[in-house]
N, C-alpha and C. Protein backbone atom coordinates (compact mmCIF):
# COMPACT_ATOMS: atom_id res chain seq x y z
N UNK A 1 5.63 -11.51 12.72
CA UNK A 1 5.20 -11.87 11.22
C UNK A 1 3.85 -11.26 10.43
N UNK A 2 4.12 -10.83 9.54
CA UNK A 2 3.28 -9.83 8.59
C UNK A 2 2.50 -10.73 7.71
N UNK A 3 1.08 -10.71 7.37
CA UNK A 3 0.47 -11.66 6.38
C UNK A 3 -0.12 -10.65 5.51
N UNK A 4 0.25 -10.90 4.19
CA UNK A 4 -0.06 -10.25 3.32
C UNK A 4 -1.30 -10.86 2.32
N UNK A 5 -2.25 -9.95 1.74
CA UNK A 5 -3.42 -10.45 0.78
C UNK A 5 -2.68 -11.19 -0.17
N UNK A 6 -3.65 -12.11 -0.45
CA UNK A 6 -3.40 -12.86 -2.28
C UNK A 6 -4.02 -12.04 -2.94
N UNK A 7 -3.69 -11.96 -4.16
CA UNK A 7 -4.67 -11.06 -5.18
C UNK A 7 -5.72 -11.42 -5.42
N UNK A 8 -6.24 -12.52 -5.04
CA UNK A 8 -7.81 -12.80 -4.88
C UNK A 8 -8.43 -12.01 -3.82
N UNK A 9 -7.82 -11.79 -2.58
CA UNK A 9 -8.30 -11.26 -1.83
C UNK A 9 -8.39 -9.65 -2.24
N UNK A 10 -7.46 -9.18 -2.84
CA UNK A 10 -7.20 -7.72 -3.24
C UNK A 10 -8.40 -7.23 -4.38
N UNK A 11 -8.87 -8.40 -4.82
CA UNK A 11 -9.91 -7.90 -5.85
C UNK A 11 -11.44 -8.07 -5.41
N UNK A 12 -11.46 -8.33 -4.15
CA UNK A 12 -12.85 -8.52 -3.83
C UNK A 12 -13.59 -7.06 -3.70
N UNK A 13 -14.56 -7.27 -4.35
CA UNK A 13 -15.47 -5.93 -4.77
C UNK A 13 -16.15 -5.38 -3.50
N UNK A 14 -16.20 -6.18 -2.37
CA UNK A 14 -16.70 -5.60 -1.16
C UNK A 14 -15.84 -4.96 -0.31
N UNK A 15 -14.63 -4.63 -0.53
CA UNK A 15 -13.70 -3.90 0.12
C UNK A 15 -14.02 -2.45 0.22
N UNK A 16 -13.60 -1.69 1.06
CA UNK A 16 -13.96 -0.39 1.23
C UNK A 16 -12.83 0.40 0.18
N UNK A 17 -13.22 1.54 0.01
CA UNK A 17 -12.22 2.11 -1.04
C UNK A 17 -10.71 2.55 -0.37
N UNK A 18 -10.65 2.64 0.90
CA UNK A 18 -9.67 2.75 1.68
C UNK A 18 -8.85 1.60 1.36
N UNK A 19 -9.57 0.57 2.14
CA UNK A 19 -8.87 -0.98 1.63
C UNK A 19 -8.32 -1.30 0.59
N UNK A 20 -9.46 -0.85 -0.72
CA UNK A 20 -9.08 -1.13 -1.97
C UNK A 20 -7.77 -0.34 -2.46
N UNK A 21 -7.42 0.97 -2.04
CA UNK A 21 -6.32 1.72 -2.13
C UNK A 21 -5.02 1.10 -1.57
N UNK A 22 -5.04 0.74 -0.42
CA UNK A 22 -3.93 -0.19 0.30
C UNK A 22 -3.61 -1.34 -0.54
N UNK A 23 -4.72 -2.08 -0.84
CA UNK A 23 -4.43 -3.41 -1.66
C UNK A 23 -3.60 -3.12 -2.83
N UNK A 24 -4.08 -2.07 -3.50
CA UNK A 24 -3.56 -1.61 -4.85
C UNK A 24 -1.79 -1.27 -4.78
N UNK A 25 -1.54 -0.30 -3.35
CA UNK A 25 -0.26 -0.16 -3.18
C UNK A 25 0.52 -1.37 -2.88
N UNK A 26 -0.18 -2.19 -2.41
CA UNK A 26 0.65 -3.73 -1.84
C UNK A 26 0.87 -4.52 -3.25
N UNK A 27 -0.07 -4.60 -3.75
CA UNK A 27 0.10 -5.14 -4.97
C UNK A 27 1.24 -4.59 -5.97
N UNK A 28 1.21 -3.43 -6.35
CA UNK A 28 2.14 -2.77 -7.09
C UNK A 28 3.36 -2.75 -6.42
N UNK A 29 3.70 -2.49 -5.17
CA UNK A 29 4.94 -2.82 -4.22
C UNK A 29 5.43 -3.96 -4.71
N UNK A 30 4.86 -4.94 -4.28
CA UNK A 30 5.09 -6.21 -4.50
C UNK A 30 5.46 -6.63 -6.04
N UNK A 31 4.66 -6.37 -6.91
CA UNK A 31 4.97 -6.50 -8.28
C UNK A 31 6.30 -5.91 -8.42
N UNK A 32 6.70 -4.73 -7.89
CA UNK A 32 8.13 -4.01 -8.19
C UNK A 32 9.07 -4.72 -7.36
N UNK A 33 9.02 -5.80 -6.65
CA UNK A 33 9.58 -6.13 -5.84
C UNK A 33 10.55 -5.28 -5.08
N UNK A 34 9.57 -4.29 -4.45
CA UNK A 34 9.96 -3.41 -3.41
C UNK A 34 9.41 -3.84 -2.14
N UNK A 35 10.25 -3.67 -0.95
CA UNK A 35 9.85 -3.84 0.54
C UNK A 35 9.23 -2.61 0.76
N UNK A 36 8.52 -2.61 1.86
CA UNK A 36 7.82 -1.38 2.45
C UNK A 36 8.71 -0.36 2.99
N UNK A 37 9.99 -0.56 3.40
CA UNK A 37 11.10 0.26 3.63
C UNK A 37 11.31 1.05 2.33
N UNK A 38 11.87 0.23 1.50
CA UNK A 38 11.95 1.01 0.04
C UNK A 38 10.81 1.97 -0.44
N UNK A 39 9.76 1.40 -0.42
CA UNK A 39 8.69 2.41 -0.85
C UNK A 39 8.44 3.48 -0.06
N UNK A 40 8.56 3.31 1.44
CA UNK A 40 8.69 4.66 2.36
C UNK A 40 9.81 5.48 1.97
N UNK A 41 10.73 5.10 1.88
CA UNK A 41 12.16 5.95 1.58
C UNK A 41 11.76 6.75 0.13
N UNK A 42 10.95 5.97 -0.73
CA UNK A 42 10.62 6.73 -1.99
C UNK A 42 9.57 7.66 -2.00
N UNK A 43 8.80 7.71 -1.17
CA UNK A 43 7.71 8.76 -0.94
C UNK A 43 7.86 9.26 0.29
N UNK A 44 9.00 9.39 1.07
CA UNK A 44 9.24 10.11 2.36
C UNK A 44 8.40 9.60 3.43
N UNK A 45 8.04 8.55 3.79
CA UNK A 45 7.30 8.28 4.90
C UNK A 45 8.03 6.99 5.58
N UNK A 46 7.63 6.35 6.33
CA UNK A 46 8.21 5.39 7.39
C UNK A 46 7.47 3.98 6.81
N UNK A 47 8.14 3.06 7.08
CA UNK A 47 7.84 1.50 6.68
C UNK A 47 6.17 1.37 7.43
N UNK A 48 6.27 1.66 8.87
CA UNK A 48 4.75 1.39 9.22
C UNK A 48 3.75 2.17 8.81
N UNK A 49 3.96 3.21 8.29
CA UNK A 49 2.91 4.25 7.66
C UNK A 49 2.47 3.53 6.32
N UNK A 50 3.35 2.98 5.62
CA UNK A 50 3.16 2.16 4.47
C UNK A 50 2.30 1.01 4.83
N UNK A 51 2.67 -0.02 5.84
CA UNK A 51 1.90 -1.21 6.24
C UNK A 51 0.46 -0.57 6.70
N UNK A 52 0.50 0.49 7.49
CA UNK A 52 -1.07 0.84 7.92
C UNK A 52 -1.67 1.27 6.89
N UNK A 53 -1.32 2.20 5.66
CA UNK A 53 -2.07 2.47 4.61
C UNK A 53 -2.27 0.81 3.93
N UNK A 54 -1.59 0.13 3.54
CA UNK A 54 -1.82 -1.25 3.10
C UNK A 54 -2.90 -1.66 3.41
N UNK A 55 -3.05 -1.81 4.93
CA UNK A 55 -4.22 -2.78 5.62
C UNK A 55 -5.37 -1.70 5.40
N UNK A 56 -5.33 -0.66 5.24
CA UNK A 56 -6.68 0.24 5.24
C UNK A 56 -6.57 1.01 6.66
N UNK A 57 -5.66 0.97 7.51
CA UNK A 57 -5.95 1.56 8.70
C UNK A 57 -5.82 3.16 8.67
N UNK A 58 -5.02 3.51 7.73
CA UNK A 58 -4.84 4.98 7.72
C UNK A 58 -5.19 5.59 6.53
N UNK A 59 -5.77 6.82 6.66
CA UNK A 59 -6.02 7.60 5.28
C UNK A 59 -4.60 8.23 4.66
N UNK A 60 -3.90 7.75 3.40
CA UNK A 60 -2.94 8.27 2.66
C UNK A 60 -3.27 9.86 2.38
N UNK A 61 -1.92 10.42 2.73
CA UNK A 61 -2.10 12.24 2.35
C UNK A 61 -1.86 12.02 0.92
N UNK A 62 -2.32 13.09 0.25
CA UNK A 62 -2.17 13.07 -1.28
C UNK A 62 -0.85 13.14 -1.72
N UNK A 63 0.23 13.44 -0.92
CA UNK A 63 1.55 13.44 -1.11
C UNK A 63 2.05 11.97 -1.46
N UNK A 64 1.42 11.03 -0.44
CA UNK A 64 1.59 9.68 -0.42
C UNK A 64 1.28 9.21 -1.87
N UNK A 65 0.04 9.42 -2.03
CA UNK A 65 -0.47 8.71 -3.32
C UNK A 65 0.00 9.21 -4.68
N UNK A 66 0.62 10.57 -4.44
CA UNK A 66 1.20 11.08 -5.77
C UNK A 66 2.51 10.39 -5.93
N UNK A 67 3.39 10.33 -4.77
CA UNK A 67 4.73 9.63 -4.52
C UNK A 67 4.56 8.56 -5.04
N UNK A 68 3.59 7.34 -4.91
CA UNK A 68 3.36 6.27 -5.40
C UNK A 68 3.23 6.06 -6.86
N UNK A 69 2.58 7.20 -7.40
CA UNK A 69 2.22 7.39 -8.57
C UNK A 69 3.44 7.39 -9.59
N UNK A 70 4.56 8.19 -9.05
CA UNK A 70 5.66 8.51 -9.36
C UNK A 70 6.28 7.56 -9.29
N UNK A 71 6.50 6.62 -8.34
CA UNK A 71 7.43 5.24 -8.24
C UNK A 71 7.04 4.29 -9.41
């Protein structure tokens, strides 16, 4: 079972930039009704990498961020 942050948690000013980026990805993905699998396919990566980036566990590559901007 995965637990996603509520929008209130995502706007916490104490979050690191990496965690903040991940929260923004998760919020936009959710807003667009996309699954992690769908976003991963759209930006040429796997679901687990999307999850790690959303949690702030991995530094996203520039291509990931640019792909998210295009989506």
